[in-house]
């Protein structure tokens, strides 16, 4: 584990030193294909593991239950936040809508200056 973390920090240092160089731009284009190849190799490894493939339906069911529970918990939190932390109404000075505004209800600086002169 320490080797992987050390390699990551070494890569960060090398990337910092290569900023703006053509080699860094070339390496940036190689990242996505490399990740796709790693995921493909991981899929081959998982597909070849018979114990993991036998337990896949149970693991998938657990994953669906955890996903639905997370979504339900998020909805409950949103409802609690909306109920207990309502925003106060904006003061009248900061609203953009005006009943006597000529341009479809949006107050313009000219309409507010007219009221100040009369």
PDB file of N, CA and C in Angstrom:
ATOM      1  N   UNK A   1       0.824  -1.202   0.000  1.00  0.00           N
ATOM      2  CA  UNK A   1       0.000   0.000   0.000  1.00  0.00           C
ATOM      3  C   UNK A   1       0.865   1.260   0.000  1.00  0.00           C
ATOM      4  N   UNK A   2       1.925   1.218   0.809  1.00  0.00           N
ATOM      5  CA  UNK A   2       2.808   2.379   0.866  1.00  0.00           C
ATOM      6  C   UNK A   2       3.533   2.599  -0.464  1.00  0.00           C
ATOM      7  N   UNK A   3       3.786   1.503  -1.168  1.00  0.00           N
ATOM      8  CA  UNK A   3       4.445   1.637  -2.467  1.00  0.00           C
ATOM      9  C   UNK A   3       3.514   2.361  -3.445  1.00  0.00           C
ATOM     10  N   UNK A   4       2.222   2.002  -3.442  1.00  0.00           N
ATOM     11  CA  UNK A   4       1.266   2.652  -4.350  1.00  0.00           C
ATOM     12  C   UNK A   4       1.126   4.130  -4.021  1.00  0.00           C
ATOM     13  N   UNK A   5       1.040   4.466  -2.734  1.00  0.00           N
ATOM     14  CA  UNK A   5       0.918   5.877  -2.334  1.00  0.00           C
ATOM     15  C   UNK A   5       2.194   6.635  -2.681  1.00  0.00           C
ATOM     16  N   UNK A   6       3.342   6.000  -2.465  1.00  0.00           N
ATOM     17  CA  UNK A   6       4.618   6.638  -2.815  1.00  0.00           C
ATOM     18  C   UNK A   6       4.734   6.888  -4.309  1.00  0.00           C
ATOM     19  N   UNK A   7       4.308   5.908  -5.116  1.00  0.00           N
ATOM     20  CA  UNK A   7       4.332   6.094  -6.569  1.00  0.00           C
ATOM     21  C   UNK A   7       3.397   7.217  -7.007  1.00  0.00           C
ATOM     22  N   UNK A   8       2.246   7.336  -6.333  1.00  0.00           N
ATOM     23  CA  UNK A   8       1.320   8.410  -6.677  1.00  0.00           C
ATOM     24  C   UNK A   8       1.947   9.779  -6.382  1.00  0.00           C
ATOM     25  N   UNK A   9       2.579   9.910  -5.214  1.00  0.00           N
ATOM     26  CA  UNK A   9       3.204  11.198  -4.885  1.00  0.00           C
ATOM     27  C   UNK A   9       4.398  11.481  -5.794  1.00  0.00           C
ATOM     28  N   UNK A  10       5.113  10.446  -6.197  1.00  0.00           N
ATOM     29  CA  UNK A  10       6.220  10.646  -7.128  1.00  0.00           C
ATOM     30  C   UNK A  10       5.672  11.107  -8.486  1.00  0.00           C
ATOM     31  N   UNK A  11       4.552  10.536  -8.915  1.00  0.00           N
ATOM     32  CA  UNK A  11       3.928  10.977 -10.155  1.00  0.00           C
ATOM     33  C   UNK A  11       3.460  12.419 -10.072  1.00  0.00           C
ATOM     34  N   UNK A  12       2.933  12.825  -8.922  1.00  0.00           N
ATOM     35  CA  UNK A  12       2.519  14.223  -8.739  1.00  0.00           C
ATOM     36  C   UNK A  12       3.731  15.149  -8.866  1.00  0.00           C
ATOM     37  N   UNK A  13       4.839  14.754  -8.256  1.00  0.00           N
ATOM     38  CA  UNK A  13       6.052  15.587  -8.331  1.00  0.00           C
ATOM     39  C   UNK A  13       6.565  15.688  -9.759  1.00  0.00           C
ATOM     40  N   UNK A  14       6.587  14.572 -10.481  1.00  0.00           N
ATOM     41  CA  UNK A  14       7.052  14.595 -11.876  1.00  0.00           C
ATOM     42  C   UNK A  14       6.098  15.423 -12.731  1.00  0.00           C
ATOM     43  N   UNK A  15       4.799  15.287 -12.501  1.00  0.00           N
ATOM     44  CA  UNK A  15       3.827  16.095 -13.231  1.00  0.00           C
ATOM     45  C   UNK A  15       3.995  17.577 -12.963  1.00  0.00           C
ATOM     46  N   UNK A  16       4.334  17.920 -11.729  1.00  0.00           N
ATOM     47  CA  UNK A  16       4.570  19.322 -11.392  1.00  0.00           C
ATOM     48  C   UNK A  16       5.782  19.860 -12.146  1.00  0.00           C
ATOM     49  N   UNK A  17       6.806  19.035 -12.264  1.00  0.00           N
ATOM     50  CA  UNK A  17       8.017  19.472 -12.973  1.00  0.00           C
ATOM     51  C   UNK A  17       7.810  19.540 -14.488  1.00  0.00           C
ATOM     52  N   UNK A  18       6.883  18.746 -15.026  1.00  0.00           N
ATOM     53  CA  UNK A  18       6.660  18.702 -16.482  1.00  0.00           C
ATOM     54  C   UNK A  18       5.544  19.628 -16.957  1.00  0.00           C
ATOM     55  N   UNK A  19       5.035  20.484 -16.093  1.00  0.00           N
ATOM     56  CA  UNK A  19       3.952  21.389 -16.517  1.00  0.00           C
ATOM     57  C   UNK A  19       4.379  22.222 -17.714  1.00  0.00           C
ATOM     58  N   UNK A  20       3.496  22.280 -18.715  1.00  0.00           N
ATOM     59  CA  UNK A  20       3.745  23.102 -19.896  1.00  0.00           C
ATOM     60  C   UNK A  20       4.662  22.460 -20.919  1.00  0.00           C
ATOM     61  N   UNK A  21       5.171  21.278 -20.653  1.00  0.00           N
ATOM     62  CA  UNK A  21       6.058  20.599 -21.591  1.00  0.00           C
ATOM     63  C   UNK A  21       5.234  19.721 -22.535  1.00  0.00           C
ATOM     64  N   UNK A  22       5.726  19.451 -23.759  1.00  0.00           N
ATOM     65  CA  UNK A  22       4.980  18.615 -24.708  1.00  0.00           C
ATOM     66  C   UNK A  22       4.782  17.176 -24.207  1.00  0.00           C
ATOM     67  N   UNK A  23       5.728  16.672 -23.417  1.00  0.00           N
ATOM     68  CA  UNK A  23       5.608  15.312 -22.895  1.00  0.00           C
ATOM     69  C   UNK A  23       4.390  15.192 -21.974  1.00  0.00           C
ATOM     70  N   UNK A  24       4.123  16.222 -21.183  1.00  0.00           N
ATOM     71  CA  UNK A  24       2.966  16.195 -20.280  1.00  0.00           C
ATOM     72  C   UNK A  24       1.663  16.152 -21.072  1.00  0.00           C
ATOM     73  N   UNK A  25       1.586  16.881 -22.164  1.00  0.00           N
ATOM     74  CA  UNK A  25       0.378  16.870 -22.995  1.00  0.00           C
ATOM     75  C   UNK A  25       0.179  15.503 -23.642  1.00  0.00           C
ATOM     76  N   UNK A  26       1.265  14.867 -24.056  1.00  0.00           N
ATOM     77  CA  UNK A  26       1.170  13.547 -24.654  1.00  0.00           C
ATOM     78  C   UNK A  26       0.711  12.519 -23.617  1.00  0.00           C
ATOM     79  N   UNK A  27       1.226  12.604 -22.412  1.00  0.00           N
ATOM     80  CA  UNK A  27       0.823  11.682 -21.354  1.00  0.00           C
ATOM     81  C   UNK A  27      -0.634  11.892 -20.955  1.00  0.00           C
ATOM     82  N   UNK A  28      -1.108  13.127 -21.006  1.00  0.00           N
ATOM     83  CA  UNK A  28      -2.507  13.413 -20.655  1.00  0.00           C
ATOM     84  C   UNK A  28      -3.455  12.732 -21.635  1.00  0.00           C
ATOM     85  N   UNK A  29      -3.065  12.614 -22.910  1.00  0.00           N
ATOM     86  CA  UNK A  29      -3.907  11.937 -23.894  1.00  0.00           C
ATOM     87  C   UNK A  29      -3.919  10.427 -23.698  1.00  0.00           C
ATOM     88  N   UNK A  30      -2.942   9.886 -22.991  1.00  0.00           N
ATOM     89  CA  UNK A  30      -2.843   8.433 -22.780  1.00  0.00           C
ATOM     90  C   UNK A  30      -3.610   7.963 -21.543  1.00  0.00           C
ATOM     91  N   UNK A  31      -4.086   8.857 -20.710  1.00  0.00           N
ATOM     92  CA  UNK A  31      -4.693   8.474 -19.436  1.00  0.00           C
ATOM     93  C   UNK A  31      -5.982   7.687 -19.641  1.00  0.00           C
ATOM     94  N   UNK A  32      -6.902   8.182 -20.445  1.00  0.00           N
ATOM     95  CA  UNK A  32      -8.187   7.498 -20.628  1.00  0.00           C
ATOM     96  C   UNK A  32      -8.024   6.098 -21.232  1.00  0.00           C
ATOM     97  N   UNK A  33      -7.256   5.919 -22.302  1.00  0.00           N
ATOM     98  CA  UNK A  33      -7.084   4.551 -22.815  1.00  0.00           C
ATOM     99  C   UNK A  33      -6.437   3.609 -21.795  1.00  0.00           C
ATOM    100  N   UNK A  34      -5.520   4.122 -20.989  1.00  0.00           N
ATOM    101  CA  UNK A  34      -4.879   3.291 -19.973  1.00  0.00           C
ATOM    102  C   UNK A  34      -5.881   2.853 -18.919  1.00  0.00           C
ATOM    103  N   UNK A  35      -6.754   3.753 -18.482  1.00  0.00           N
ATOM    104  CA  UNK A  35      -7.772   3.406 -17.489  1.00  0.00           C
ATOM    105  C   UNK A  35      -8.739   2.382 -18.068  1.00  0.00           C
ATOM    106  N   UNK A  36      -9.108   2.532 -19.333  1.00  0.00           N
ATOM    107  CA  UNK A  36     -10.007   1.570 -19.976  1.00  0.00           C
ATOM    108  C   UNK A  36      -9.355   0.184 -20.036  1.00  0.00           C
ATOM    109  N   UNK A  37      -8.077   0.127 -20.367  1.00  0.00           N
ATOM    110  CA  UNK A  37      -7.375  -1.161 -20.387  1.00  0.00           C
ATOM    111  C   UNK A  37      -7.286  -1.780 -18.996  1.00  0.00           C
ATOM    112  N   UNK A  38      -7.054  -0.966 -17.973  1.00  0.00           N
ATOM    113  CA  UNK A  38      -7.013  -1.484 -16.602  1.00  0.00           C
ATOM    114  C   UNK A  38      -8.372  -2.030 -16.176  1.00  0.00           C
ATOM    115  N   UNK A  39      -9.453  -1.344 -16.532  1.00  0.00           N
ATOM    116  CA  UNK A  39     -10.788  -1.838 -16.210  1.00  0.00           C
ATOM    117  C   UNK A  39     -11.094  -3.136 -16.948  1.00  0.00           C
ATOM    118  N   UNK A  40     -10.647  -3.243 -18.186  1.00  0.00           N
ATOM    119  CA  UNK A  40     -10.823  -4.475 -18.954  1.00  0.00           C
ATOM    120  C   UNK A  40     -10.077  -5.628 -18.286  1.00  0.00           C
ATOM    121  N   UNK A  41      -8.850  -5.379 -17.851  1.00  0.00           N
ATOM    122  CA  UNK A  41      -8.070  -6.414 -17.165  1.00  0.00           C
ATOM    123  C   UNK A  41      -8.722  -6.799 -15.840  1.00  0.00           C
ATOM    124  N   UNK A  42      -9.291  -5.841 -15.138  1.00  0.00           N
ATOM    125  CA  UNK A  42     -10.005  -6.142 -13.895  1.00  0.00           C
ATOM    126  C   UNK A  42     -11.229  -6.996 -14.179  1.00  0.00           C
ATOM    127  N   UNK A  43     -11.949  -6.703 -15.252  1.00  0.00           N
ATOM    128  CA  UNK A  43     -13.099  -7.512 -15.631  1.00  0.00           C
ATOM    129  C   UNK A  43     -12.709  -8.941 -15.958  1.00  0.00           C
ATOM    130  N   UNK A  44     -11.593  -9.130 -16.640  1.00  0.00           N
ATOM    131  CA  UNK A  44     -11.113 -10.487 -16.933  1.00  0.00           C
ATOM    132  C   UNK A  44     -10.789 -11.216 -15.635  1.00  0.00           C
ATOM    133  N   UNK A  45     -10.171 -10.511 -14.695  1.00  0.00           N
ATOM    134  CA  UNK A  45      -9.827 -11.113 -13.413  1.00  0.00           C
ATOM    135  C   UNK A  45     -11.066 -11.505 -12.627  1.00  0.00           C
ATOM    136  N   UNK A  46     -12.064 -10.644 -12.599  1.00  0.00           N
ATOM    137  CA  UNK A  46     -13.309 -10.942 -11.874  1.00  0.00           C
ATOM    138  C   UNK A  46     -14.053 -12.071 -12.571  1.00  0.00           C
ATOM    139  N   UNK A  47     -14.112 -12.057 -13.885  1.00  0.00           N
ATOM    140  CA  UNK A  47     -14.806 -13.105 -14.626  1.00  0.00           C
ATOM    141  C   UNK A  47     -14.161 -14.472 -14.447  1.00  0.00           C
ATOM    142  N   UNK A  48     -12.878 -14.513 -14.222  1.00  0.00           N
ATOM    143  CA  UNK A  48     -12.176 -15.781 -14.027  1.00  0.00           C
ATOM    144  C   UNK A  48     -12.257 -16.316 -12.614  1.00  0.00           C
ATOM    145  N   UNK A  49     -12.726 -15.529 -11.670  1.00  0.00           N
ATOM    146  CA  UNK A  49     -12.830 -15.953 -10.268  1.00  0.00           C
ATOM    147  C   UNK A  49     -14.192 -16.610 -10.060  1.00  0.00           C
ATOM    148  N   UNK A  50     -14.226 -17.937  -9.945  1.00  0.00           N
ATOM    149  CA  UNK A  50     -15.498 -18.655  -9.860  1.00  0.00           C
ATOM    150  C   UNK A  50     -16.232 -18.375  -8.554  1.00  0.00           C
ATOM    151  N   UNK A  51     -15.523 -18.182  -7.447  1.00  0.00           N
ATOM    152  CA  UNK A  51     -16.189 -17.893  -6.172  1.00  0.00           C
ATOM    153  C   UNK A  51     -16.888 -16.538  -6.233  1.00  0.00           C
ATOM    154  N   UNK A  52     -16.241 -15.567  -6.830  1.00  0.00           N
ATOM    155  CA  UNK A  52     -16.848 -14.235  -6.946  1.00  0.00           C
ATOM    156  C   UNK A  52     -18.029 -14.254  -7.906  1.00  0.00           C
ATOM    157  N   UNK A  53     -17.923 -14.994  -8.981  1.00  0.00           N
ATOM    158  CA  UNK A  53     -19.033 -15.077  -9.936  1.00  0.00           C
ATOM    159  C   UNK A  53     -20.238 -15.780  -9.324  1.00  0.00           C
ATOM    160  N   UNK A  54     -20.012 -16.759  -8.437  1.00  0.00           N
ATOM    161  CA  UNK A  54     -21.116 -17.455  -7.779  1.00  0.00           C
ATOM    162  C   UNK A  54     -21.825 -16.540  -6.786  1.00  0.00           C
ATOM    163  N   UNK A  55     -21.078 -15.615  -6.162  1.00  0.00           N
ATOM    164  CA  UNK A  55     -21.656 -14.710  -5.166  1.00  0.00           C
ATOM    165  C   UNK A  55     -22.178 -13.419  -5.790  1.00  0.00           C
ATOM    166  N   UNK A  56     -22.040 -13.253  -7.097  1.00  0.00           N
ATOM    167  CA  UNK A  56     -22.427 -12.003  -7.756  1.00  0.00           C
ATOM    168  C   UNK A  56     -23.901 -11.658  -7.604  1.00  0.00           C
ATOM    169  N   UNK A  57     -24.856 -12.583  -7.715  1.00  0.00           N
ATOM    170  CA  UNK A  57     -26.266 -12.198  -7.517  1.00  0.00           C
ATOM    171  C   UNK A  57     -26.541 -11.644  -6.118  1.00  0.00           C
ATOM    172  N   UNK A  58     -25.936 -12.255  -5.102  1.00  0.00           N
ATOM    173  CA  UNK A  58     -26.122 -11.763  -3.735  1.00  0.00           C
ATOM    174  C   UNK A  58     -25.475 -10.387  -3.555  1.00  0.00           C
ATOM    175  N   UNK A  59     -24.284 -10.214  -4.114  1.00  0.00           N
ATOM    176  CA  UNK A  59     -23.605  -8.918  -4.009  1.00  0.00           C
ATOM    177  C   UNK A  59     -24.369  -7.832  -4.760  1.00  0.00           C
ATOM    178  N   UNK A  60     -24.935  -8.196  -5.910  1.00  0.00           N
ATOM    179  CA  UNK A  60     -25.712  -7.232  -6.684  1.00  0.00           C
ATOM    180  C   UNK A  60     -26.971  -6.809  -5.950  1.00  0.00           C
ATOM    181  N   UNK A  61     -27.640  -7.771  -5.289  1.00  0.00           N
ATOM    182  CA  UNK A  61     -28.837  -7.442  -4.505  1.00  0.00           C
ATOM    183  C   UNK A  61     -28.510  -6.511  -3.352  1.00  0.00           C
ATOM    184  N   UNK A  62     -27.391  -6.773  -2.686  1.00  0.00           N
ATOM    185  CA  UNK A  62     -26.963  -5.900  -1.596  1.00  0.00           C
ATOM    186  C   UNK A  62     -26.644  -4.506  -2.115  1.00  0.00           C
ATOM    187  N   UNK A  63     -26.027  -4.432  -3.270  1.00  0.00           N
ATOM    188  CA  UNK A  63     -25.695  -3.127  -3.850  1.00  0.00           C
ATOM    189  C   UNK A  63     -26.959  -2.342  -4.185  1.00  0.00           C
ATOM    190  N   UNK A  64     -27.983  -3.008  -4.707  1.00  0.00           N
ATOM    191  CA  UNK A  64     -29.239  -2.314  -5.032  1.00  0.00           C
ATOM    192  C   UNK A  64     -29.910  -1.804  -3.761  1.00  0.00           C
ATOM    193  N   UNK A  65     -29.934  -2.637  -2.713  1.00  0.00           N
ATOM    194  CA  UNK A  65     -30.545  -2.215  -1.442  1.00  0.00           C
ATOM    195  C   UNK A  65     -29.805  -1.012  -0.871  1.00  0.00           C
ATOM    196  N   UNK A  66     -28.479  -1.045  -0.887  1.00  0.00           N
ATOM    197  CA  UNK A  66     -27.701   0.090  -0.357  1.00  0.00           C
ATOM    198  C   UNK A  66     -27.922   1.357  -1.189  1.00  0.00           C
ATOM    199  N   UNK A  67     -28.026   1.212  -2.493  1.00  0.00           N
ATOM    200  CA  UNK A  67     -28.274   2.363  -3.357  1.00  0.00           C
ATOM    201  C   UNK A  67     -29.628   2.988  -3.068  1.00  0.00           C
ATOM    202  N   UNK A  68     -30.667   2.154  -2.981  1.00  0.00           N
ATOM    203  CA  UNK A  68     -32.013   2.674  -2.697  1.00  0.00           C
ATOM    204  C   UNK A  68     -32.094   3.306  -1.307  1.00  0.00           C
ATOM    205  N   UNK A  69     -31.414   2.713  -0.332  1.00  0.00           N
ATOM    206  CA  UNK A  69     -31.404   3.289   1.015  1.00  0.00           C
ATOM    207  C   UNK A  69     -30.691   4.645   1.021  1.00  0.00           C
ATOM    208  N   UNK A  70     -29.630   4.767   0.251  1.00  0.00           N
ATOM    209  CA  UNK A  70     -28.922   6.052   0.169  1.00  0.00           C
ATOM    210  C   UNK A  70     -29.772   7.132  -0.480  1.00  0.00           C
ATOM    211  N   UNK A  71     -30.502   6.765  -1.533  1.00  0.00           N
ATOM    212  CA  UNK A  71     -31.384   7.729  -2.196  1.00  0.00           C
ATOM    213  C   UNK A  71     -32.518   8.148  -1.267  1.00  0.00           C
ATOM    214  N   UNK A  72     -33.112   7.174  -0.560  1.00  0.00           N
ATOM    215  CA  UNK A  72     -34.201   7.494   0.370  1.00  0.00           C
ATOM    216  C   UNK A  72     -33.699   8.391   1.498  1.00  0.00           C
ATOM    217  N   UNK A  73     -32.521   8.106   2.010  1.00  0.00           N
ATOM    218  CA  UNK A  73     -31.949   8.953   3.062  1.00  0.00           C
ATOM    219  C   UNK A  73     -31.689  10.372   2.581  1.00  0.00           C
ATOM    220  N   UNK A  74     -31.268  10.518   1.337  1.00  0.00           N
ATOM    221  CA  UNK A  74     -31.045  11.854   0.783  1.00  0.00           C
ATOM    222  C   UNK A  74     -32.350  12.626   0.686  1.00  0.00           C
ATOM    223  N   UNK A  75     -33.430  11.959   0.246  1.00  0.00           N
ATOM    224  CA  UNK A  75     -34.737  12.623   0.173  1.00  0.00           C
ATOM    225  C   UNK A  75     -35.219  13.049   1.554  1.00  0.00           C
ATOM    226  N   UNK A  76     -35.038  12.204   2.561  1.00  0.00           N
ATOM    227  CA  UNK A  76     -35.448  12.558   3.920  1.00  0.00           C
ATOM    228  C   UNK A  76     -34.659  13.771   4.421  1.00  0.00           C
ATOM    229  N   UNK A  77     -33.375  13.805   4.150  1.00  0.00           N
ATOM    230  CA  UNK A  77     -32.555  14.961   4.563  1.00  0.00           C
ATOM    231  C   UNK A  77     -33.009  16.240   3.868  1.00  0.00           C
ATOM    232  N   UNK A  78     -33.328  16.164   2.581  1.00  0.00           N
ATOM    233  CA  UNK A  78     -33.803  17.344   1.860  1.00  0.00           C
ATOM    234  C   UNK A  78     -35.118  17.839   2.449  1.00  0.00           C
ATOM    235  N   UNK A  79     -36.024  16.917   2.746  1.00  0.00           N
ATOM    236  CA  UNK A  79     -37.297  17.322   3.346  1.00  0.00           C
ATOM    237  C   UNK A  79     -37.100  17.980   4.707  1.00  0.00           C
ATOM    238  N   UNK A  80     -36.201  17.434   5.518  1.00  0.00           N
ATOM    239  CA  UNK A  80     -35.920  18.043   6.828  1.00  0.00           C
ATOM    240  C   UNK A  80     -35.301  19.427   6.680  1.00  0.00           C
ATOM    241  N   UNK A  81     -34.389  19.568   5.758  1.00  0.00           N
ATOM    242  CA  UNK A  81     -33.739  20.867   5.557  1.00  0.00           C
ATOM    243  C   UNK A  81     -34.753  21.890   5.074  1.00  0.00           C
ATOM    244  N   UNK A  82     -35.620  21.501   4.147  1.00  0.00           N
ATOM    245  CA  UNK A  82     -36.634  22.442   3.655  1.00  0.00           C
ATOM    246  C   UNK A  82     -37.620  22.821   4.754  1.00  0.00           C
ATOM    247  N   UNK A  83     -37.923  21.896   5.636  1.00  0.00           N
ATOM    248  CA  UNK A  83     -38.907  22.184   6.675  1.00  0.00           C
ATOM    249  C   UNK A  83     -38.333  23.063   7.774  1.00  0.00           C
ATOM    250  N   UNK A  84     -37.105  22.773   8.199  1.00  0.00           N
ATOM    251  CA  UNK A  84     -36.546  23.458   9.355  1.00  0.00           C
ATOM    252  C   UNK A  84     -35.656  24.641   9.011  1.00  0.00           C
ATOM    253  N   UNK A  85     -35.226  24.767   7.785  1.00  0.00           N
ATOM    254  CA  UNK A  85     -34.321  25.850   7.400  1.00  0.00           C
ATOM    255  C   UNK A  85     -34.885  26.622   6.221  1.00  0.00           C
ATOM    256  N   UNK A  86     -36.052  27.176   6.380  1.00  0.00           N
ATOM    257  CA  UNK A  86     -36.643  27.987   5.309  1.00  0.00           C
ATOM    258  C   UNK A  86     -35.930  29.328   5.235  1.00  0.00           C
ATOM    259  N   UNK A  87     -35.787  29.835   3.996  1.00  0.00           N
ATOM    260  CA  UNK A  87     -35.169  31.145   3.824  1.00  0.00           C
ATOM    261  C   UNK A  87     -36.202  32.225   4.091  1.00  0.00           C
ATOM    262  N   UNK A  88     -35.789  33.287   4.779  1.00  0.00           N
ATOM    263  CA  UNK A  88     -36.720  34.390   4.989  1.00  0.00           C
ATOM    264  C   UNK A  88     -37.001  35.102   3.669  1.00  0.00           C
ATOM    265  N   UNK A  89     -38.166  35.739   3.538  1.00  0.00           N
ATOM    266  CA  UNK A  89     -38.454  36.460   2.286  1.00  0.00           C
ATOM    267  C   UNK A  89     -37.493  37.620   2.102  1.00  0.00           C
ATOM    268  N   UNK A  90     -37.222  37.924   0.837  1.00  0.00           N
ATOM    269  CA  UNK A  90     -36.317  39.035   0.532  1.00  0.00           C
ATOM    270  C   UNK A  90     -36.992  40.359   0.854  1.00  0.00           C
ATOM    271  N   UNK A  91     -36.216  41.340   1.299  1.00  0.00           N
ATOM    272  CA  UNK A  91     -36.793  42.676   1.519  1.00  0.00           C
ATOM    273  C   UNK A  91     -37.281  43.264   0.196  1.00  0.00           C
ATOM    274  N   UNK A  92     -38.261  44.152   0.260  1.00  0.00           N
ATOM    275  CA  UNK A  92     -38.862  44.736  -0.938  1.00  0.00           C
ATOM    276  C   UNK A  92     -37.847  45.525  -1.762  1.00  0.00           C
ATOM    277  N   UNK A  93     -36.805  46.062  -1.156  1.00  0.00           N
ATOM    278  CA  UNK A  93     -35.822  46.865  -1.878  1.00  0.00           C
ATOM    279  C   UNK A  93     -35.007  46.016  -2.853  1.00  0.00           C
ATOM    280  N   UNK A  94     -34.927  44.720  -2.628  1.00  0.00           N
ATOM    281  CA  UNK A  94     -34.085  43.880  -3.471  1.00  0.00           C
ATOM    282  C   UNK A  94     -34.866  43.081  -4.499  1.00  0.00           C
ATOM    283  N   UNK A  95     -36.149  43.230  -4.587  1.00  0.00           N
ATOM    284  CA  UNK A  95     -36.915  42.467  -5.569  1.00  0.00           C
ATOM    285  C   UNK A  95     -36.792  43.105  -6.943  1.00  0.00           C
ATOM    286  N   UNK A  96     -36.826  42.274  -7.973  1.00  0.00           N
ATOM    287  CA  UNK A  96     -36.708  42.773  -9.339  1.00  0.00           C
ATOM    288  C   UNK A  96     -38.067  43.056  -9.962  1.00  0.00           C
ATOM    289  N   UNK A  97     -39.117  42.520  -9.392  1.00  0.00           N
ATOM    290  CA  UNK A  97     -40.436  42.713  -9.976  1.00  0.00           C
ATOM    291  C   UNK A  97     -41.092  43.959  -9.404  1.00  0.00           C
ATOM    292  N   UNK A  98     -41.702  44.713 -10.266  1.00  0.00           N
ATOM    293  CA  UNK A  98     -42.386  45.925  -9.845  1.00  0.00           C
ATOM    294  C   UNK A  98     -43.731  45.974 -10.556  1.00  0.00           C
ATOM    295  N   UNK A  99     -44.785  46.362  -9.841  1.00  0.00           N
ATOM    296  CA  UNK A  99     -46.128  46.376 -10.422  1.00  0.00           C
ATOM    297  C   UNK A  99     -46.265  47.447 -11.502  1.00  0.00           C
ATOM    298  N   UNK A 100     -45.554  48.577 -11.346  1.00  0.00           N
ATOM    299  CA  UNK A 100     -45.711  49.655 -12.314  1.00  0.00           C
ATOM    300  C   UNK A 100     -44.576  49.699 -13.339  1.00  0.00           C
ATOM    301  N   UNK A 101     -43.801  48.637 -13.431  1.00  0.00           N
ATOM    302  CA  UNK A 101     -42.693  48.631 -14.388  1.00  0.00           C
ATOM    303  C   UNK A 101     -43.242  48.426 -15.797  1.00  0.00           C
ATOM    304  N   UNK A 102     -42.786  49.233 -16.786  1.00  0.00           N
ATOM    305  CA  UNK A 102     -43.319  49.141 -18.139  1.00  0.00           C
ATOM    306  C   UNK A 102     -42.788  47.951 -18.924  1.00  0.00           C
ATOM    307  N   UNK A 103     -41.710  47.336 -18.515  1.00  0.00           N
ATOM    308  CA  UNK A 103     -41.076  46.304 -19.338  1.00  0.00           C
ATOM    309  C   UNK A 103     -41.418  44.909 -18.837  1.00  0.00           C
ATOM    310  N   UNK A 104     -42.683  44.572 -18.776  1.00  0.00           N
ATOM    311  CA  UNK A 104     -43.089  43.219 -18.453  1.00  0.00           C
ATOM    312  C   UNK A 104     -42.893  42.852 -17.003  1.00  0.00           C
ATOM    313  N   UNK A 105     -42.881  43.792 -16.108  1.00  0.00           N
ATOM    314  CA  UNK A 105     -42.783  43.492 -14.690  1.00  0.00           C
ATOM    315  C   UNK A 105     -41.381  43.573 -14.136  1.00  0.00           C
ATOM    316  N   UNK A 106     -40.372  43.788 -14.980  1.00  0.00           N
ATOM    317  CA  UNK A 106     -39.005  43.890 -14.481  1.00  0.00           C
ATOM    318  C   UNK A 106     -38.659  45.364 -14.357  1.00  0.00           C
ATOM    319  N   UNK A 107     -38.260  45.744 -13.168  1.00  0.00           N
ATOM    320  CA  UNK A 107     -37.955  47.149 -12.916  1.00  0.00           C
ATOM    321  C   UNK A 107     -36.640  47.513 -13.585  1.00  0.00           C
ATOM    322  N   UNK A 108     -36.605  48.655 -14.203  1.00  0.00           N
ATOM    323  CA  UNK A 108     -35.382  49.141 -14.822  1.00  0.00           C
ATOM    324  C   UNK A 108     -34.904  50.355 -14.042  1.00  0.00           C
ATOM    325  N   UNK A 109     -33.632  50.750 -14.207  1.00  0.00           N
ATOM    326  CA  UNK A 109     -33.144  51.937 -13.500  1.00  0.00           C
ATOM    327  C   UNK A 109     -33.916  53.199 -13.859  1.00  0.00           C
ATOM    328  N   UNK A 110     -34.402  53.295 -15.095  1.00  0.00           N
ATOM    329  CA  UNK A 110     -35.136  54.488 -15.487  1.00  0.00           C
ATOM    330  C   UNK A 110     -36.451  54.578 -14.750  1.00  0.00           C
ATOM    331  N   UNK A 111     -37.150  53.435 -14.545  1.00  0.00           N
ATOM    332  CA  UNK A 111     -38.432  53.484 -13.852  1.00  0.00           C
ATOM    333  C   UNK A 111     -38.254  53.814 -12.385  1.00  0.00           C
ATOM    334  N   UNK A 112     -37.156  53.393 -11.774  1.00  0.00           N
ATOM    335  CA  UNK A 112     -36.946  53.721 -10.373  1.00  0.00           C
ATOM    336  C   UNK A 112     -36.524  55.181 -10.211  1.00  0.00           C
ATOM    337  N   UNK A 113     -35.814  55.761 -11.216  1.00  0.00           N
ATOM    338  CA  UNK A 113     -35.462  57.166 -11.139  1.00  0.00           C
ATOM    339  C   UNK A 113     -36.698  58.041 -11.321  1.00  0.00           C
ATOM    340  N   UNK A 114     -37.662  57.620 -12.138  1.00  0.00           N
ATOM    341  CA  UNK A 114     -38.892  58.403 -12.345  1.00  0.00           C
ATOM    342  C   UNK A 114     -39.636  58.555 -11.030  1.00  0.00           C
ATOM    343  N   UNK A 115     -39.711  57.469 -10.239  1.00  0.00           N
ATOM    344  CA  UNK A 115     -40.391  57.540  -8.952  1.00  0.00           C
ATOM    345  C   UNK A 115     -39.651  58.453  -7.988  1.00  0.00           C
ATOM    346  N   UNK A 116     -38.352  58.515  -8.064  1.00  0.00           N
ATOM    347  CA  UNK A 116     -37.571  59.341  -7.141  1.00  0.00           C
ATOM    348  C   UNK A 116     -37.732  60.824  -7.479  1.00  0.00           C
ATOM    349  N   UNK A 117     -37.971  61.195  -8.760  1.00  0.00           N
ATOM    350  CA  UNK A 117     -38.095  62.604  -9.140  1.00  0.00           C
ATOM    351  C   UNK A 117     -39.464  63.170  -8.813  1.00  0.00           C
ATOM    352  N   UNK A 118     -40.488  62.374  -8.756  1.00  0.00           N
ATOM    353  CA  UNK A 118     -41.824  62.929  -8.563  1.00  0.00           C
ATOM    354  C   UNK A 118     -42.221  63.006  -7.123  1.00  0.00           C
TER     355      UNK A 118
END
